[in-house]
Amino acid sequence: MASARDLDQGKHQGTKIVGLGYDGRKDKTRAMVPDSYGKLHPRLIREEHVSVTEEPSGRWLTTAQSLVYMWTRKHGLTGKELNILEILVKYCLQVYFKLYYDIKVHHRLEDGPKHILTQLRVMRSQPKKVQTAVTFYVRTGAWFAHSECVLLSLMASQSEADRRFAVTQILKLRAGEEYGDTSVRPRITPKLNLSATSLQTLSSWQPGQVQEPAFTCSLSGDQIQEILVKPYEVPEFSIHTQSTERAVKQVTEAAAAVVGQQARDGFIRARAHHRETMPCFRSKKDMMETF
């Protein structure tokens, strides 16, 4: 990964960086700085602050909030500008905000394809020109419509028909083999079916376009058949980047406190251990039990 200092010095030419930008601020980072004799001393230095300004095919929530705020105030817009603002605000309220909070609440791995279905449903309720404008971004951002994700969601479904469909697809892929293919394979965002109303119709199931989930490749044929009776328990992985953002914050705080990779790692682990040992109060009853 290219560091901010390397990019600033012109290194890594041609490296494509999406979503990083300099906002003019400077962060304090603890580092070993040599003096005139070459002896190293711990010092706090100020470096360029790098922030995420845009996610691939996405925008920060604050942009949508600003549009809604503008709509509720005296903005002085008329004619075409007023019409555009109205379209944007309706899209934020009916599509963007709904999906944002749906993902925050239902963020397990098997929920990803369901959010794609919801996105398609609410998108179809928008005016034709809005649908035309957002279709490209919906297609390029539909990585959770990949067959691996859809099969996981179908296997975890409470519907026996969905589970049977997923088991049939996996056994067809294995072609008589006891276990799935664990070799490295390219992951290409599938061609999304914009008129889909169910997970089974979300994308194509043609041969060569379907891949078995990596989680089930180690399961035997008999274990796959058991999914017909009991839904598959998908490992707990989050589909949003909030945990990543927290990790970035922890690393930033550690860099301002200690020097060196091992010291930063120990600093972060020590804080995590401290938080685990601290009592968690969910109610007054929990608090009283500590005394």
C-alpha atoms as a PDB file:
ATOM      1  CA  MET A   1       0.000   0.000   0.000  1.00  0.00           C
ATOM      2  CA  ALA A   2       1.360   3.420  -0.917  1.00  0.00           C
ATOM      3  CA  SER A   3       1.872   5.740   2.051  1.00  0.00           C
ATOM      4  CA  ALA A   4       0.949   9.413   2.069  1.00  0.00           C
ATOM      5  CA  ARG A   5       4.610  10.431   2.284  1.00  0.00           C
ATOM      6  CA  ASP A   6       5.559   8.287  -0.738  1.00  0.00           C
ATOM      7  CA  LEU A   7       2.713   9.754  -2.765  1.00  0.00           C
ATOM      8  CA  ASP A   8       3.696  13.262  -1.715  1.00  0.00           C
ATOM      9  CA  GLN A   9       7.288  12.655  -2.869  1.00  0.00           C
ATOM     10  CA  GLY A  10       6.156  11.462  -6.294  1.00  0.00           C
ATOM     11  CA  LYS A  11       6.755   7.758  -5.765  1.00  0.00           C
ATOM     12  CA  HIS A  12       4.375   5.011  -6.966  1.00  0.00           C
ATOM     13  CA  GLN A  13       3.655   6.831 -10.220  1.00  0.00           C
ATOM     14  CA  GLY A  14       0.603   5.400 -11.944  1.00  0.00           C
ATOM     15  CA  THR A  15      -0.859   3.986  -8.729  1.00  0.00           C
ATOM     16  CA  LYS A  16      -4.627   4.348  -8.795  1.00  0.00           C
ATOM     17  CA  ILE A  17      -5.915   5.629  -5.452  1.00  0.00           C
ATOM     18  CA  VAL A  18      -9.703   5.835  -5.080  1.00  0.00           C
ATOM     19  CA  GLY A  19     -11.246   7.765  -2.230  1.00  0.00           C
ATOM     20  CA  LEU A  20      -8.145   9.402  -0.689  1.00  0.00           C
ATOM     21  CA  GLY A  21      -7.531  13.110  -0.534  1.00  0.00           C
ATOM     22  CA  TYR A  22      -5.597  15.798   1.343  1.00  0.00           C
ATOM     23  CA  ASP A  23      -7.822  18.175   3.267  1.00  0.00           C
ATOM     24  CA  GLY A  24      -5.152  20.645   4.373  1.00  0.00           C
ATOM     25  CA  ARG A  25      -4.947  19.376   7.963  1.00  0.00           C
ATOM     26  CA  LYS A  26      -1.873  17.884   9.595  1.00  0.00           C
ATOM     27  CA  ASP A  27      -1.788  14.990  12.063  1.00  0.00           C
ATOM     28  CA  LYS A  28       0.696  14.503  14.898  1.00  0.00           C
ATOM     29  CA  THR A  29       2.655  11.244  14.604  1.00  0.00           C
ATOM     30  CA  ARG A  30       5.302  10.027  17.028  1.00  0.00           C
ATOM     31  CA  ALA A  31       8.516   9.107  15.207  1.00  0.00           C
ATOM     32  CA  MET A  32      12.263   8.735  15.778  1.00  0.00           C
ATOM     33  CA  VAL A  33      13.929  11.895  14.434  1.00  0.00           C
ATOM     34  CA  PRO A  34      17.759  12.119  14.024  1.00  0.00           C
ATOM     35  CA  ASP A  35      19.643  15.099  15.411  1.00  0.00           C
ATOM     36  CA  SER A  36      22.693  16.776  13.841  1.00  0.00           C
ATOM     37  CA  TYR A  37      24.907  13.903  15.066  1.00  0.00           C
ATOM     38  CA  GLY A  38      22.621  11.196  13.664  1.00  0.00           C
ATOM     39  CA  LYS A  39      21.298  10.108  17.053  1.00  0.00           C
ATOM     40  CA  LEU A  40      17.584   9.263  17.048  1.00  0.00           C
ATOM     41  CA  HIS A  41      15.177  10.894  19.457  1.00  0.00           C
ATOM     42  CA  PRO A  42      11.421  10.334  19.901  1.00  0.00           C
ATOM     43  CA  ARG A  43       9.543  13.360  18.620  1.00  0.00           C
ATOM     44  CA  LEU A  44       6.055  14.337  17.584  1.00  0.00           C
ATOM     45  CA  ILE A  45       6.055  15.344  13.927  1.00  0.00           C
ATOM     46  CA  ARG A  46       3.256  16.825  11.854  1.00  0.00           C
ATOM     47  CA  GLU A  47       2.344  15.086   8.613  1.00  0.00           C
ATOM     48  CA  GLU A  48      -0.258  15.616   5.934  1.00  0.00           C
ATOM     49  CA  HIS A  49      -3.691  14.371   6.961  1.00  0.00           C
ATOM     50  CA  VAL A  50      -5.210  11.922   4.471  1.00  0.00           C
ATOM     51  CA  SER A  51      -8.989  11.484   4.521  1.00  0.00           C
ATOM     52  CA  VAL A  52     -11.532   9.447   2.578  1.00  0.00           C
ATOM     53  CA  THR A  53     -13.497  11.831   0.384  1.00  0.00           C
ATOM     54  CA  GLU A  54     -15.399   9.410  -1.823  1.00  0.00           C
ATOM     55  CA  GLU A  55     -16.101   5.702  -1.805  1.00  0.00           C
ATOM     56  CA  PRO A  56     -16.317   3.837  -5.140  1.00  0.00           C
ATOM     57  CA  SER A  57     -19.775   4.541  -6.599  1.00  0.00           C
ATOM     58  CA  GLY A  58     -20.859   6.278  -3.388  1.00  0.00           C
ATOM     59  CA  ARG A  59     -21.036   9.575  -1.488  1.00  0.00           C
ATOM     60  CA  TRP A  60     -20.881  10.578   2.147  1.00  0.00           C
ATOM     61  CA  LEU A  61     -24.153  10.754   4.009  1.00  0.00           C
ATOM     62  CA  THR A  62     -23.513  14.418   4.870  1.00  0.00           C
ATOM     63  CA  THR A  63     -24.038  15.405   1.231  1.00  0.00           C
ATOM     64  CA  ALA A  64     -27.573  14.019   1.291  1.00  0.00           C
ATOM     65  CA  GLN A  65     -28.215  15.689   4.646  1.00  0.00           C
ATOM     66  CA  SER A  66     -27.124  19.024   3.208  1.00  0.00           C
ATOM     67  CA  LEU A  67     -29.565  18.666   0.309  1.00  0.00           C
ATOM     68  CA  VAL A  68     -32.471  17.921   2.652  1.00  0.00           C
ATOM     69  CA  TYR A  69     -31.440  20.809   4.889  1.00  0.00           C
ATOM     70  CA  MET A  70     -31.395  23.126   1.872  1.00  0.00           C
ATOM     71  CA  TRP A  71     -34.898  21.964   0.854  1.00  0.00           C
ATOM     72  CA  THR A  72     -36.330  22.856   4.268  1.00  0.00           C
ATOM     73  CA  ARG A  73     -34.854  26.373   4.233  1.00  0.00           C
ATOM     74  CA  LYS A  74     -35.225  29.451   2.051  1.00  0.00           C
ATOM     75  CA  HIS A  75     -32.921  28.461  -0.772  1.00  0.00           C
ATOM     76  CA  GLY A  76     -34.110  30.963  -3.384  1.00  0.00           C
ATOM     77  CA  LEU A  77     -34.050  28.401  -6.209  1.00  0.00           C
ATOM     78  CA  THR A  78     -36.606  28.538  -9.002  1.00  0.00           C
ATOM     79  CA  GLY A  79     -37.341  26.829 -12.284  1.00  0.00           C
ATOM     80  CA  LYS A  80     -34.934  24.102 -13.383  1.00  0.00           C
ATOM     81  CA  GLU A  81     -32.702  24.384 -10.310  1.00  0.00           C
ATOM     82  CA  LEU A  82     -35.714  23.909  -7.999  1.00  0.00           C
ATOM     83  CA  ASN A  83     -36.838  20.870  -9.982  1.00  0.00           C
ATOM     84  CA  ILE A  84     -33.385  19.289  -9.750  1.00  0.00           C
ATOM     85  CA  LEU A  85     -33.225  19.896  -6.002  1.00  0.00           C
ATOM     86  CA  GLU A  86     -36.656  18.304  -5.561  1.00  0.00           C
ATOM     87  CA  ILE A  87     -35.584  15.193  -7.491  1.00  0.00           C
ATOM     88  CA  LEU A  88     -32.395  14.875  -5.440  1.00  0.00           C
ATOM     89  CA  VAL A  89     -34.200  15.269  -2.112  1.00  0.00           C
ATOM     90  CA  LYS A  90     -36.843  12.684  -3.044  1.00  0.00           C
ATOM     91  CA  TYR A  91     -34.107  10.248  -4.067  1.00  0.00           C
ATOM     92  CA  CYS A  92     -32.278  10.789  -0.774  1.00  0.00           C
ATOM     93  CA  LEU A  93     -35.410  10.246   1.305  1.00  0.00           C
ATOM     94  CA  GLN A  94     -36.874   7.330  -0.647  1.00  0.00           C
ATOM     95  CA  VAL A  95     -33.725   5.458  -1.650  1.00  0.00           C
ATOM     96  CA  TYR A  96     -30.459   6.607  -0.109  1.00  0.00           C
ATOM     97  CA  PHE A  97     -31.464   7.044   3.530  1.00  0.00           C
ATOM     98  CA  LYS A  98     -33.494   3.830   3.535  1.00  0.00           C
ATOM     99  CA  LEU A  99     -30.637   1.741   2.161  1.00  0.00           C
ATOM    100  CA  TYR A 100     -28.119   3.418   4.453  1.00  0.00           C
ATOM    101  CA  TYR A 101     -29.980   2.473   7.626  1.00  0.00           C
ATOM    102  CA  ASP A 102     -31.046  -0.940   6.285  1.00  0.00           C
ATOM    103  CA  ILE A 103     -27.374  -1.821   5.825  1.00  0.00           C
ATOM    104  CA  LYS A 104     -26.467  -0.463   9.264  1.00  0.00           C
ATOM    105  CA  VAL A 105     -29.140  -2.628  10.931  1.00  0.00           C
ATOM    106  CA  HIS A 106     -28.876  -5.752   8.759  1.00  0.00           C
ATOM    107  CA  HIS A 107     -25.154  -5.994   8.079  1.00  0.00           C
ATOM    108  CA  ARG A 108     -24.464  -9.724   8.024  1.00  0.00           C
ATOM    109  CA  LEU A 109     -22.918 -11.312   4.949  1.00  0.00           C
ATOM    110  CA  GLU A 110     -26.139 -13.054   3.901  1.00  0.00           C
ATOM    111  CA  ASP A 111     -28.004  -9.710   3.972  1.00  0.00           C
ATOM    112  CA  GLY A 112     -25.994  -8.236   1.066  1.00  0.00           C
ATOM    113  CA  PRO A 113     -28.068  -9.677  -1.818  1.00  0.00           C
ATOM    114  CA  LYS A 114     -31.269  -8.687  -0.011  1.00  0.00           C
ATOM    115  CA  HIS A 115     -30.140  -5.061   0.028  1.00  0.00           C
ATOM    116  CA  ILE A 116     -29.525  -5.276  -3.732  1.00  0.00           C
ATOM    117  CA  LEU A 117     -33.129  -6.462  -4.163  1.00  0.00           C
ATOM    118  CA  THR A 118     -34.397  -3.600  -2.010  1.00  0.00           C
ATOM    119  CA  GLN A 119     -32.319  -1.138  -4.020  1.00  0.00           C
ATOM    120  CA  LEU A 120     -33.846  -2.388  -7.269  1.00  0.00           C
ATOM    121  CA  ARG A 121     -37.369  -2.222  -5.847  1.00  0.00           C
ATOM    122  CA  VAL A 122     -37.103   1.374  -4.631  1.00  0.00           C
ATOM    123  CA  MET A 123     -35.204   2.412  -7.771  1.00  0.00           C
ATOM    124  CA  ARG A 124     -38.094   1.241  -9.952  1.00  0.00           C
ATOM    125  CA  SER A 125     -40.373   3.645  -8.073  1.00  0.00           C
ATOM    126  CA  GLN A 126     -38.282   6.624  -9.211  1.00  0.00           C
ATOM    127  CA  PRO A 127     -38.889   8.698 -12.384  1.00  0.00           C
ATOM    128  CA  LYS A 128     -37.483   7.265 -15.607  1.00  0.00           C
ATOM    129  CA  LYS A 129     -34.748   9.898 -15.916  1.00  0.00           C
ATOM    130  CA  VAL A 130     -33.569   9.118 -12.382  1.00  0.00           C
ATOM    131  CA  GLN A 131     -33.489   5.398 -13.156  1.00  0.00           C
ATOM    132  CA  THR A 132     -31.446   6.104 -16.277  1.00  0.00           C
ATOM    133  CA  ALA A 133     -28.985   8.250 -14.326  1.00  0.00           C
ATOM    134  CA  VAL A 134     -28.330   5.739 -11.525  1.00  0.00           C
ATOM    135  CA  THR A 135     -28.495   2.451 -13.467  1.00  0.00           C
ATOM    136  CA  PHE A 136     -24.766   2.466 -14.327  1.00  0.00           C
ATOM    137  CA  TYR A 137     -23.768   2.945 -10.672  1.00  0.00           C
ATOM    138  CA  VAL A 138     -26.245   0.324  -9.456  1.00  0.00           C
ATOM    139  CA  ARG A 139     -24.780  -2.212 -11.887  1.00  0.00           C
ATOM    140  CA  THR A 140     -21.131  -1.482 -11.058  1.00  0.00           C
ATOM    141  CA  GLY A 141     -21.849  -1.580  -7.321  1.00  0.00           C
ATOM    142  CA  ALA A 142     -23.752  -4.875  -7.384  1.00  0.00           C
ATOM    143  CA  TRP A 143     -20.897  -7.049  -6.120  1.00  0.00           C
ATOM    144  CA  PHE A 144     -23.273  -8.644  -3.577  1.00  0.00           C
ATOM    145  CA  ALA A 145     -25.292  -9.974  -6.518  1.00  0.00           C
ATOM    146  CA  HIS A 146     -22.395 -12.352  -7.206  1.00  0.00           C
ATOM    147  CA  SER A 147     -23.412 -16.012  -7.213  1.00  0.00           C
ATOM    148  CA  GLU A 148     -21.286 -16.751  -4.119  1.00  0.00           C
ATOM    149  CA  CYS A 149     -23.150 -14.163  -2.040  1.00  0.00           C
ATOM    150  CA  VAL A 150     -26.572 -15.091  -3.423  1.00  0.00           C
ATOM    151  CA  LEU A 151     -26.012 -18.785  -2.701  1.00  0.00           C
ATOM    152  CA  LEU A 152     -25.024 -17.973   0.886  1.00  0.00           C
ATOM    153  CA  SER A 153     -28.174 -15.907   1.324  1.00  0.00           C
ATOM    154  CA  LEU A 154     -30.332 -18.663  -0.182  1.00  0.00           C
ATOM    155  CA  MET A 155     -28.772 -21.349   2.025  1.00  0.00           C
ATOM    156  CA  ALA A 156     -29.426 -19.240   5.132  1.00  0.00           C
ATOM    157  CA  SER A 157     -33.038 -18.605   4.114  1.00  0.00           C
ATOM    158  CA  GLN A 158     -35.961 -19.916   6.139  1.00  0.00           C
ATOM    159  CA  SER A 159     -37.630 -20.912   2.866  1.00  0.00           C
ATOM    160  CA  GLU A 160     -37.056 -24.549   1.920  1.00  0.00           C
ATOM    161  CA  ALA A 161     -37.519 -23.669  -1.760  1.00  0.00           C
ATOM    162  CA  ASP A 162     -34.630 -21.187  -1.590  1.00  0.00           C
ATOM    163  CA  ARG A 163     -32.386 -23.674   0.203  1.00  0.00           C
ATOM    164  CA  ARG A 164     -33.248 -26.415  -2.293  1.00  0.00           C
ATOM    165  CA  PHE A 165     -32.367 -24.112  -5.193  1.00  0.00           C
ATOM    166  CA  ALA A 166     -28.974 -23.313  -3.623  1.00  0.00           C
ATOM    167  CA  VAL A 167     -28.168 -26.968  -2.864  1.00  0.00           C
ATOM    168  CA  THR A 168     -29.079 -27.963  -6.427  1.00  0.00           C
ATOM    169  CA  GLN A 169     -26.761 -25.278  -7.868  1.00  0.00           C
ATOM    170  CA  ILE A 170     -23.840 -26.312  -5.638  1.00  0.00           C
ATOM    171  CA  LEU A 171     -24.177 -30.024  -6.407  1.00  0.00           C
ATOM    172  CA  LYS A 172     -24.406 -29.180 -10.110  1.00  0.00           C
ATOM    173  CA  LEU A 173     -21.179 -27.179  -9.837  1.00  0.00           C
ATOM    174  CA  ARG A 174     -19.344 -30.031  -8.117  1.00  0.00           C
ATOM    175  CA  ALA A 175     -20.316 -32.454 -10.893  1.00  0.00           C
ATOM    176  CA  GLY A 176     -20.033 -35.530  -8.686  1.00  0.00           C
ATOM    177  CA  GLU A 177     -17.040 -34.348  -6.637  1.00  0.00           C
ATOM    178  CA  GLU A 178     -17.297 -34.702  -2.876  1.00  0.00           C
ATOM    179  CA  TYR A 179     -15.924 -31.230  -2.100  1.00  0.00           C
ATOM    180  CA  GLY A 180     -15.972 -27.857  -3.800  1.00  0.00           C
ATOM    181  CA  ASP A 181     -13.265 -26.202  -5.891  1.00  0.00           C
ATOM    182  CA  THR A 182     -10.949 -24.113  -3.686  1.00  0.00           C
ATOM    183  CA  SER A 183      -8.640 -22.858  -6.438  1.00  0.00           C
ATOM    184  CA  VAL A 184      -8.127 -19.141  -6.995  1.00  0.00           C
ATOM    185  CA  ARG A 185     -10.765 -17.765  -9.357  1.00  0.00           C
ATOM    186  CA  PRO A 186     -11.555 -14.308 -10.738  1.00  0.00           C
ATOM    187  CA  ARG A 187     -14.439 -12.500  -9.107  1.00  0.00           C
ATOM    188  CA  ILE A 188     -16.329 -10.457 -11.678  1.00  0.00           C
ATOM    189  CA  THR A 189     -19.368  -8.358 -10.821  1.00  0.00           C
ATOM    190  CA  PRO A 190     -22.284 -10.121 -12.546  1.00  0.00           C
ATOM    191  CA  LYS A 191     -24.723  -8.576 -14.990  1.00  0.00           C
ATOM    192  CA  LEU A 192     -27.564  -7.468 -12.752  1.00  0.00           C
ATOM    193  CA  ASN A 193     -31.179  -8.256 -13.622  1.00  0.00           C
ATOM    194  CA  LEU A 194     -32.833  -4.870 -12.995  1.00  0.00           C
ATOM    195  CA  SER A 195     -36.331  -6.396 -13.011  1.00  0.00           C
ATOM    196  CA  ALA A 196     -35.511  -9.053 -10.389  1.00  0.00           C
ATOM    197  CA  THR A 197     -38.055  -9.610  -7.619  1.00  0.00           C
ATOM    198  CA  SER A 198     -36.348 -12.525  -5.825  1.00  0.00           C
ATOM    199  CA  LEU A 199     -32.842 -13.740  -5.029  1.00  0.00           C
ATOM    200  CA  GLN A 200     -33.140 -16.551  -7.559  1.00  0.00           C
ATOM    201  CA  THR A 201     -33.696 -14.066 -10.400  1.00  0.00           C
ATOM    202  CA  LEU A 202     -31.105 -11.515  -9.282  1.00  0.00           C
ATOM    203  CA  SER A 203     -28.442 -12.651 -11.760  1.00  0.00           C
ATOM    204  CA  SER A 204     -27.742 -15.353 -14.335  1.00  0.00           C
ATOM    205  CA  TRP A 205     -27.233 -19.002 -13.360  1.00  0.00           C
ATOM    206  CA  GLN A 206     -25.759 -20.055 -16.683  1.00  0.00           C
ATOM    207  CA  PRO A 207     -22.788 -22.490 -16.622  1.00  0.00           C
ATOM    208  CA  GLY A 208     -19.484 -20.672 -16.230  1.00  0.00           C
ATOM    209  CA  GLN A 209     -21.102 -17.725 -14.404  1.00  0.00           C
ATOM    210  CA  VAL A 210     -21.743 -19.498 -11.091  1.00  0.00           C
ATOM    211  CA  GLN A 211     -19.185 -20.111  -8.331  1.00  0.00           C
ATOM    212  CA  GLU A 212     -19.601 -22.004  -5.085  1.00  0.00           C
ATOM    213  CA  PRO A 213     -19.082 -19.948  -1.890  1.00  0.00           C
ATOM    214  CA  ALA A 214     -15.651 -20.462  -0.337  1.00  0.00           C
ATOM    215  CA  PHE A 215     -17.345 -21.174   3.015  1.00  0.00           C
ATOM    216  CA  THR A 216     -19.054 -24.329   1.720  1.00  0.00           C
ATOM    217  CA  CYS A 217     -16.229 -25.782  -0.407  1.00  0.00           C
ATOM    218  CA  SER A 218     -14.945 -27.719   2.615  1.00  0.00           C
ATOM    219  CA  LEU A 219     -18.367 -29.251   3.306  1.00  0.00           C
ATOM    220  CA  SER A 220     -19.004 -32.767   2.046  1.00  0.00           C
ATOM    221  CA  GLY A 221     -21.926 -33.666  -0.199  1.00  0.00           C
ATOM    222  CA  ASP A 222     -23.861 -35.069   2.754  1.00  0.00           C
ATOM    223  CA  GLN A 223     -23.331 -31.853   4.746  1.00  0.00           C
ATOM    224  CA  ILE A 224     -24.623 -29.844   1.796  1.00  0.00           C
ATOM    225  CA  GLN A 225     -27.719 -32.036   1.692  1.00  0.00           C
ATOM    226  CA  GLU A 226     -28.362 -31.297   5.384  1.00  0.00           C
ATOM    227  CA  ILE A 227     -28.970 -27.654   4.446  1.00  0.00           C
ATOM    228  CA  LEU A 228     -32.295 -28.808   2.997  1.00  0.00           C
ATOM    229  CA  VAL A 229     -33.441 -29.546   6.561  1.00  0.00           C
ATOM    230  CA  LYS A 230     -31.674 -26.795   8.511  1.00  0.00           C
ATOM    231  CA  PRO A 231     -30.614 -23.348   7.217  1.00  0.00           C
ATOM    232  CA  TYR A 232     -26.890 -22.811   6.852  1.00  0.00           C
ATOM    233  CA  GLU A 233     -25.271 -20.658   9.541  1.00  0.00           C
ATOM    234  CA  VAL A 234     -23.182 -18.118   7.656  1.00  0.00           C
ATOM    235  CA  PRO A 235     -20.009 -16.955   9.511  1.00  0.00           C
ATOM    236  CA  GLU A 236     -20.357 -13.496  11.025  1.00  0.00           C
ATOM    237  CA  PHE A 237     -18.828 -11.001   8.621  1.00  0.00           C
ATOM    238  CA  SER A 238     -20.012  -7.412   8.286  1.00  0.00           C
ATOM    239  CA  ILE A 239     -20.845  -5.959   4.863  1.00  0.00           C
ATOM    240  CA  HIS A 240     -20.176  -2.309   5.737  1.00  0.00           C
ATOM    241  CA  THR A 241     -16.896  -0.531   6.479  1.00  0.00           C
ATOM    242  CA  GLN A 242     -17.655   0.865   9.929  1.00  0.00           C
ATOM    243  CA  SER A 243     -15.267  -1.590  11.599  1.00  0.00           C
ATOM    244  CA  THR A 244     -12.556  -0.551   9.125  1.00  0.00           C
ATOM    245  CA  GLU A 245     -13.118   3.111   9.962  1.00  0.00           C
ATOM    246  CA  ARG A 246     -12.741   2.280  13.670  1.00  0.00           C
ATOM    247  CA  ALA A 247      -9.486   0.452  12.951  1.00  0.00           C
ATOM    248  CA  VAL A 248      -8.143   3.487  11.065  1.00  0.00           C
ATOM    249  CA  LYS A 249      -8.967   5.675  14.072  1.00  0.00           C
ATOM    250  CA  GLN A 250      -7.179   3.294  16.454  1.00  0.00           C
ATOM    251  CA  VAL A 251      -4.059   3.202  14.290  1.00  0.00           C
ATOM    252  CA  THR A 252      -4.042   7.010  14.086  1.00  0.00           C
ATOM    253  CA  GLU A 253      -4.232   7.303  17.880  1.00  0.00           C
ATOM    254  CA  ALA A 254      -1.514   4.679  18.336  1.00  0.00           C
ATOM    255  CA  ALA A 255       0.809   6.468  15.888  1.00  0.00           C
ATOM    256  CA  ALA A 256       0.595   9.626  18.002  1.00  0.00           C
ATOM    257  CA  ALA A 257       1.379   7.739  21.224  1.00  0.00           C
ATOM    258  CA  VAL A 258       4.151   5.227  20.496  1.00  0.00           C
ATOM    259  CA  VAL A 259       6.941   4.560  17.980  1.00  0.00           C
ATOM    260  CA  GLY A 260       7.302   1.484  15.784  1.00  0.00           C
ATOM    261  CA  GLN A 261       5.037  -1.150  14.296  1.00  0.00           C
ATOM    262  CA  GLN A 262       5.274  -3.567  17.233  1.00  0.00           C
ATOM    263  CA  ALA A 263       4.640  -0.804  19.746  1.00  0.00           C
ATOM    264  CA  ARG A 264       1.563   0.369  17.851  1.00  0.00           C
ATOM    265  CA  ASP A 265       0.265  -3.206  17.644  1.00  0.00           C
ATOM    266  CA  GLY A 266       0.773  -3.670  21.402  1.00  0.00           C
ATOM    267  CA  PHE A 267      -0.865  -0.326  22.139  1.00  0.00           C
ATOM    268  CA  ILE A 268      -3.983  -1.262  20.169  1.00  0.00           C
ATOM    269  CA  ARG A 269      -4.199  -4.784  21.639  1.00  0.00           C
ATOM    270  CA  ALA A 270      -3.776  -3.472  25.188  1.00  0.00           C
ATOM    271  CA  ARG A 271      -6.635  -0.999  24.729  1.00  0.00           C
ATOM    272  CA  ALA A 272      -8.838  -3.706  23.220  1.00  0.00           C
ATOM    273  CA  HIS A 273      -8.108  -6.020  26.159  1.00  0.00           C
ATOM    274  CA  HIS A 274      -8.849  -3.222  28.615  1.00  0.00           C
ATOM    275  CA  ARG A 275     -12.227  -2.575  26.981  1.00  0.00           C
ATOM    276  CA  GLU A 276     -13.116  -6.281  27.149  1.00  0.00           C
ATOM    277  CA  THR A 277     -12.393  -6.427  30.877  1.00  0.00           C
ATOM    278  CA  MET A 278     -14.417  -3.301  31.615  1.00  0.00           C
ATOM    279  CA  PRO A 279     -18.032  -4.008  32.669  1.00  0.00           C
ATOM    280  CA  CYS A 280     -20.752  -3.340  30.107  1.00  0.00           C
ATOM    281  CA  PHE A 281     -23.831  -1.719  31.627  1.00  0.00           C
ATOM    282  CA  ARG A 282     -26.978  -2.422  29.634  1.00  0.00           C
ATOM    283  CA  SER A 283     -29.270  -1.531  32.517  1.00  0.00           C
ATOM    284  CA  LYS A 284     -29.226  -0.215  36.099  1.00  0.00           C
ATOM    285  CA  LYS A 285     -29.397  -3.818  37.290  1.00  0.00           C
ATOM    286  CA  ASP A 286     -26.056  -4.607  35.623  1.00  0.00           C
ATOM    287  CA  MET A 287     -24.466  -1.586  37.270  1.00  0.00           C
ATOM    288  CA  MET A 288     -25.686  -2.545  40.766  1.00  0.00           C
ATOM    289  CA  GLU A 289     -24.253  -6.074  40.405  1.00  0.00           C
ATOM    290  CA  THR A 290     -20.711  -4.634  40.273  1.00  0.00           C
ATOM    291  CA  PHE A 291     -20.929  -3.291  43.840  1.00  0.00           C
END
